[in-house]
C-alpha cells in the first residue's frame, strides 16, 4: 500500500467491524447481571481498541515508530501491512495476510465462533428445560463460551497486536476466570450433587486430550 492510499483514518470501517463482532458476541453471551455486563463491556473495549488501531489511528505504530524505523529501515510505517507486527518481528516475507500466523489466526477465530455458537445452542435448550447443560461442548469442558471468547481474542492478537490489547488480554482472562467460578457456585446451589459429579469428570477450561 502506498502513501497515496490512506491506510488509516477509515472510521467507517472501525464502526462497522466493531459493531459486527460486538453484536455477534452479544447475541450468544446475552449478559444479564451487572457482573456479566462488566465482562462483556471489557470484551467490547478490546474489540473497539483493536479496530481503532487497525483502521483508525495506529497508536502502537506511532509509539514504536522510532525503534521500528531503526530496526527495520525499509519498513513503510504508513502502510497497513506494517500493523501486522508479528510478521515484521519474525522476519516473514511477502504479504502478511498469507503468512503462517495470519492463517493460524483465521483458524482460531473460526473455531472460536463455532464453539461460541455450539455452546450457546446447548445452553439455550438446557435453560429452557431447566436442566444442567452437559452435552455438546459442555461434555468436554465446563465453560466453552469463555474458552471461545479467549480463542477469538487470541486470533485477533495474532493478526494485529497492539500495546493496549496486549495489556487488556490478561485482564479479560482474569475476568472470565472469576465469572466462571461464580457461575459454578450458582450451579452447585441449583443442582447440588448432579453438578458436583459433572464438575468432577469435566475440566473447567482445557479438555482432556484423547477423552
Protein backbone atom coordinates (compact mmCIF):
# COMPACT_ATOMS: atom_id res chain seq x y z
CA UNK A 1 0.00 0.00 0.00
CA UNK A 2 1.49 3.35 -0.99
CA UNK A 3 1.12 6.71 0.69
CA UNK A 4 -1.40 7.92 -1.92
CA UNK A 5 -3.92 5.47 -0.48
CA UNK A 6 -4.62 6.11 3.18
CA UNK A 7 -4.21 3.06 5.38
CA UNK A 8 -5.81 4.75 8.39
CA UNK A 9 -8.49 7.27 9.23
CA UNK A 10 -11.12 4.81 7.96
CA UNK A 11 -13.53 5.39 10.81
CA UNK A 12 -16.50 3.91 8.99
CA UNK A 13 -14.64 0.58 8.87
CA UNK A 14 -13.86 0.94 12.58
CA UNK A 15 -17.55 1.36 13.32
CA UNK A 16 -18.76 -1.42 11.02
CA UNK A 17 -16.24 -4.04 12.14
CA UNK A 18 -16.64 -3.22 15.82
CA UNK A 19 -20.42 -3.39 15.58
CA UNK A 20 -20.40 -6.72 13.74
CA UNK A 21 -18.20 -8.53 16.25
CA UNK A 22 -19.75 -6.95 19.34
CA UNK A 23 -23.33 -7.66 18.24
CA UNK A 24 -22.41 -11.22 17.26
CA UNK A 25 -20.86 -11.85 20.66
CA UNK A 26 -23.83 -10.21 22.39
CA UNK A 27 -26.28 -12.49 20.59
CA UNK A 28 -24.63 -15.55 22.16
CA UNK A 29 -23.43 -14.23 25.51
CA UNK A 30 -26.62 -12.34 26.40
CA UNK A 31 -25.38 -10.53 29.55
CA UNK A 32 -27.99 -10.36 32.29
CA UNK A 33 -26.32 -9.34 35.56
CA UNK A 34 -24.08 -6.38 36.36
CA UNK A 35 -21.17 -8.83 36.50
CA UNK A 36 -22.00 -10.10 33.03
CA UNK A 37 -22.19 -6.58 31.67
CA UNK A 38 -18.77 -5.67 33.10
CA UNK A 39 -17.27 -8.73 31.47
CA UNK A 40 -18.96 -8.08 28.14
CA UNK A 41 -18.00 -4.39 28.25
CA UNK A 42 -14.34 -5.37 28.67
CA UNK A 43 -14.59 -7.68 25.65
CA UNK A 44 -16.24 -4.89 23.64
CA UNK A 45 -13.49 -2.46 24.67
CA UNK A 46 -10.91 -4.96 23.39
CA UNK A 47 -12.67 -5.17 20.01
CA UNK A 48 -13.02 -1.39 19.69
CA UNK A 49 -9.37 -0.81 20.67
CA UNK A 50 -8.31 -3.37 18.07
CA UNK A 51 -10.21 -1.88 15.15
CA UNK A 52 -9.38 1.71 16.09
CA UNK A 53 -5.70 0.84 15.61
CA UNK A 54 -6.34 -1.36 12.60
CA UNK A 55 -8.29 1.22 10.60
CA UNK A 56 -8.41 4.46 12.59
CA UNK A 57 -5.22 5.63 14.31
CA UNK A 58 -2.20 3.26 14.70
CA UNK A 59 -1.21 4.21 18.24
CA UNK A 60 1.17 1.27 18.69
CA UNK A 61 2.98 2.03 15.42
CA UNK A 62 3.19 5.68 16.45
CA UNK A 63 4.70 4.86 19.86
CA UNK A 64 7.15 2.33 18.42
CA UNK A 65 7.96 4.31 15.27
CA UNK A 66 11.47 5.31 16.30
CA UNK A 67 12.51 1.79 17.28
CA UNK A 68 10.84 0.19 14.25
CA UNK A 69 12.48 2.62 11.84
CA UNK A 70 15.88 1.88 13.39
CA UNK A 71 15.48 -1.89 13.36
CA UNK A 72 13.61 -2.12 10.04
CA UNK A 73 14.68 0.88 7.91
CA UNK A 74 12.86 -0.45 4.84
CA UNK A 75 9.54 -0.83 6.63
CA UNK A 76 6.82 1.50 5.41
CA UNK A 77 5.26 2.59 8.69
CA UNK A 78 2.34 4.28 6.92
CA UNK A 79 1.23 1.10 5.20
CA UNK A 80 -1.48 -1.17 6.52
CA UNK A 81 0.86 -4.17 6.42
CA UNK A 82 3.13 -2.52 8.99
CA UNK A 83 0.41 -3.13 11.57
CA UNK A 84 0.99 -6.88 11.31
CA UNK A 85 3.84 -6.57 13.77
CA UNK A 86 4.37 -10.30 14.38
CA UNK A 87 5.20 -10.78 10.71
CA UNK A 88 7.72 -7.93 10.90
CA UNK A 89 9.32 -9.07 14.14
CA UNK A 90 9.63 -12.66 12.92
CA UNK A 91 11.10 -11.59 9.59
CA UNK A 92 8.32 -13.03 7.44
CA UNK A 93 8.50 -12.08 3.78
CA UNK A 94 5.65 -11.30 1.40
CA UNK A 95 2.04 -10.39 2.14
CA UNK A 96 1.41 -10.94 5.89
CA UNK A 97 -2.22 -11.87 5.15
CA UNK A 98 -0.95 -15.18 3.77
CA UNK A 99 1.67 -15.79 6.45
CA UNK A 100 1.64 -18.64 8.94
CA UNK A 101 0.46 -16.53 11.86
CA UNK A 102 -2.36 -14.97 9.88
CA UNK A 103 -3.60 -18.38 8.77
CA UNK A 104 -3.38 -19.59 12.38
CA UNK A 105 -5.43 -16.56 13.45
CA UNK A 106 -8.19 -17.48 10.97
CA UNK A 107 -8.29 -21.00 12.44
CA UNK A 108 -8.57 -19.64 15.99
CA UNK A 109 -11.25 -17.15 15.01
CA UNK A 110 -13.25 -19.70 13.04
CA UNK A 111 -13.12 -22.33 15.77
CA UNK A 112 -13.82 -19.73 18.44
CA UNK A 113 -17.01 -18.53 16.79
CA UNK A 114 -18.06 -22.11 16.04
CA UNK A 115 -17.54 -23.07 19.68
CA UNK A 116 -19.42 -19.98 20.87
CA UNK A 117 -22.37 -20.83 18.63
CA UNK A 118 -22.41 -24.52 19.59
CA UNK A 119 -22.19 -23.77 23.29
CA UNK A 120 -24.99 -21.22 23.14
CA UNK A 121 -27.29 -23.70 21.36
CA UNK A 122 -26.77 -26.34 24.06
CA UNK A 123 -27.07 -23.84 26.92
CA UNK A 124 -30.23 -22.27 25.46
CA UNK A 125 -32.11 -25.58 25.31
CA UNK A 126 -30.83 -26.66 28.73
CA UNK A 127 -32.06 -23.42 30.30
CA UNK A 128 -35.47 -23.80 28.67
CA UNK A 129 -35.80 -27.30 30.19
CA UNK A 130 -34.21 -26.12 33.45
CA UNK A 131 -31.59 -28.89 33.32
CA UNK A 132 -27.83 -28.93 33.51
CA UNK A 133 -26.01 -28.37 30.19
CA UNK A 134 -23.79 -31.44 29.76
CA UNK A 135 -23.92 -32.24 26.04
CA UNK A 136 -22.04 -30.93 23.00
CA UNK A 137 -19.02 -28.84 24.01
CA UNK A 138 -20.22 -28.94 27.64
CA UNK A 139 -19.39 -32.66 27.63
CA UNK A 140 -15.70 -31.74 27.21
CA UNK A 141 -15.33 -28.54 29.25
CA UNK A 142 -17.49 -26.69 31.75
CA UNK A 143 -17.15 -23.21 30.22
CA UNK A 144 -16.95 -23.48 26.42
CA UNK A 145 -18.31 -19.97 25.89
CA UNK A 146 -15.45 -18.35 27.79
CA UNK A 147 -12.93 -20.57 26.05
CA UNK A 148 -14.47 -19.44 22.75
CA UNK A 149 -14.00 -15.78 23.69
CA UNK A 150 -10.36 -16.43 24.57
CA UNK A 151 -9.75 -18.17 21.24
CA UNK A 152 -11.29 -15.21 19.42
CA UNK A 153 -9.12 -12.74 21.32
CA UNK A 154 -6.01 -14.81 20.62
CA UNK A 155 -6.92 -14.94 16.95
CA UNK A 156 -7.11 -11.16 16.80
CA UNK A 157 -3.83 -10.78 18.71
CA UNK A 158 -2.09 -13.00 16.15
CA UNK A 159 -3.44 -10.83 13.34
CA UNK A 160 -2.91 -7.38 14.76
CA UNK A 161 -1.11 -6.99 18.11
CA UNK A 162 -1.33 -3.65 19.86
CA UNK A 163 0.06 -2.45 23.16
CA UNK A 164 -3.41 -1.77 24.53
CA UNK A 165 -4.95 -5.12 23.57
CA UNK A 166 -1.89 -6.99 24.87
CA UNK A 167 -2.46 -5.29 28.23
CA UNK A 168 -6.18 -5.97 28.16
CA UNK A 169 -5.86 -9.67 27.31
CA UNK A 170 -4.70 -10.93 30.75
CA UNK A 171 -7.30 -8.69 32.41
CA UNK A 172 -10.02 -10.39 30.37
CA UNK A 173 -8.62 -13.80 31.28
CA UNK A 174 -8.93 -12.96 34.97
CA UNK A 175 -12.48 -11.67 34.50
CA UNK A 176 -13.57 -14.83 32.70
CA UNK A 177 -11.98 -17.00 35.38
CA UNK A 178 -13.78 -15.12 38.13
CA UNK A 179 -17.07 -15.25 36.27
CA UNK A 180 -16.69 -18.99 35.71
CA UNK A 181 -16.07 -19.58 39.43
CA UNK A 182 -19.14 -17.52 40.35
CA UNK A 183 -21.33 -19.40 37.89
CA UNK A 184 -20.10 -22.72 39.24
CA UNK A 185 -21.14 -21.70 42.74
CA UNK A 186 -24.59 -20.86 41.41
CA UNK A 187 -24.84 -24.21 39.60
CA UNK A 188 -23.85 -26.08 42.77
CA UNK A 189 -26.59 -24.28 44.67
CA UNK A 190 -29.14 -25.12 41.98
CA UNK A 191 -28.21 -28.69 41.00
CA UNK A 192 -26.29 -29.94 44.05
CA UNK A 193 -24.77 -33.41 43.71
CA UNK A 194 -25.58 -33.58 39.99
CA UNK A 195 -23.29 -30.64 39.30
CA UNK A 196 -20.62 -31.97 41.67
CA UNK A 197 -20.48 -35.21 39.66
CA UNK A 198 -20.33 -33.25 36.41
CA UNK A 199 -17.55 -30.96 37.69
CA UNK A 200 -15.51 -33.93 38.93
CA UNK A 201 -15.46 -35.55 35.49
CA UNK A 202 -15.32 -32.44 33.26
CA UNK A 203 -12.39 -29.95 33.17
CA UNK A 204 -13.11 -26.26 33.59
CA UNK A 205 -11.35 -24.87 30.50
CA UNK A 206 -8.91 -27.35 28.93
CA UNK A 207 -10.34 -30.69 27.73
CA UNK A 208 -8.66 -33.98 28.47
CA UNK A 209 -6.65 -34.97 25.42
CA UNK A 210 -7.91 -38.18 23.89
CA UNK A 211 -11.04 -38.20 26.02
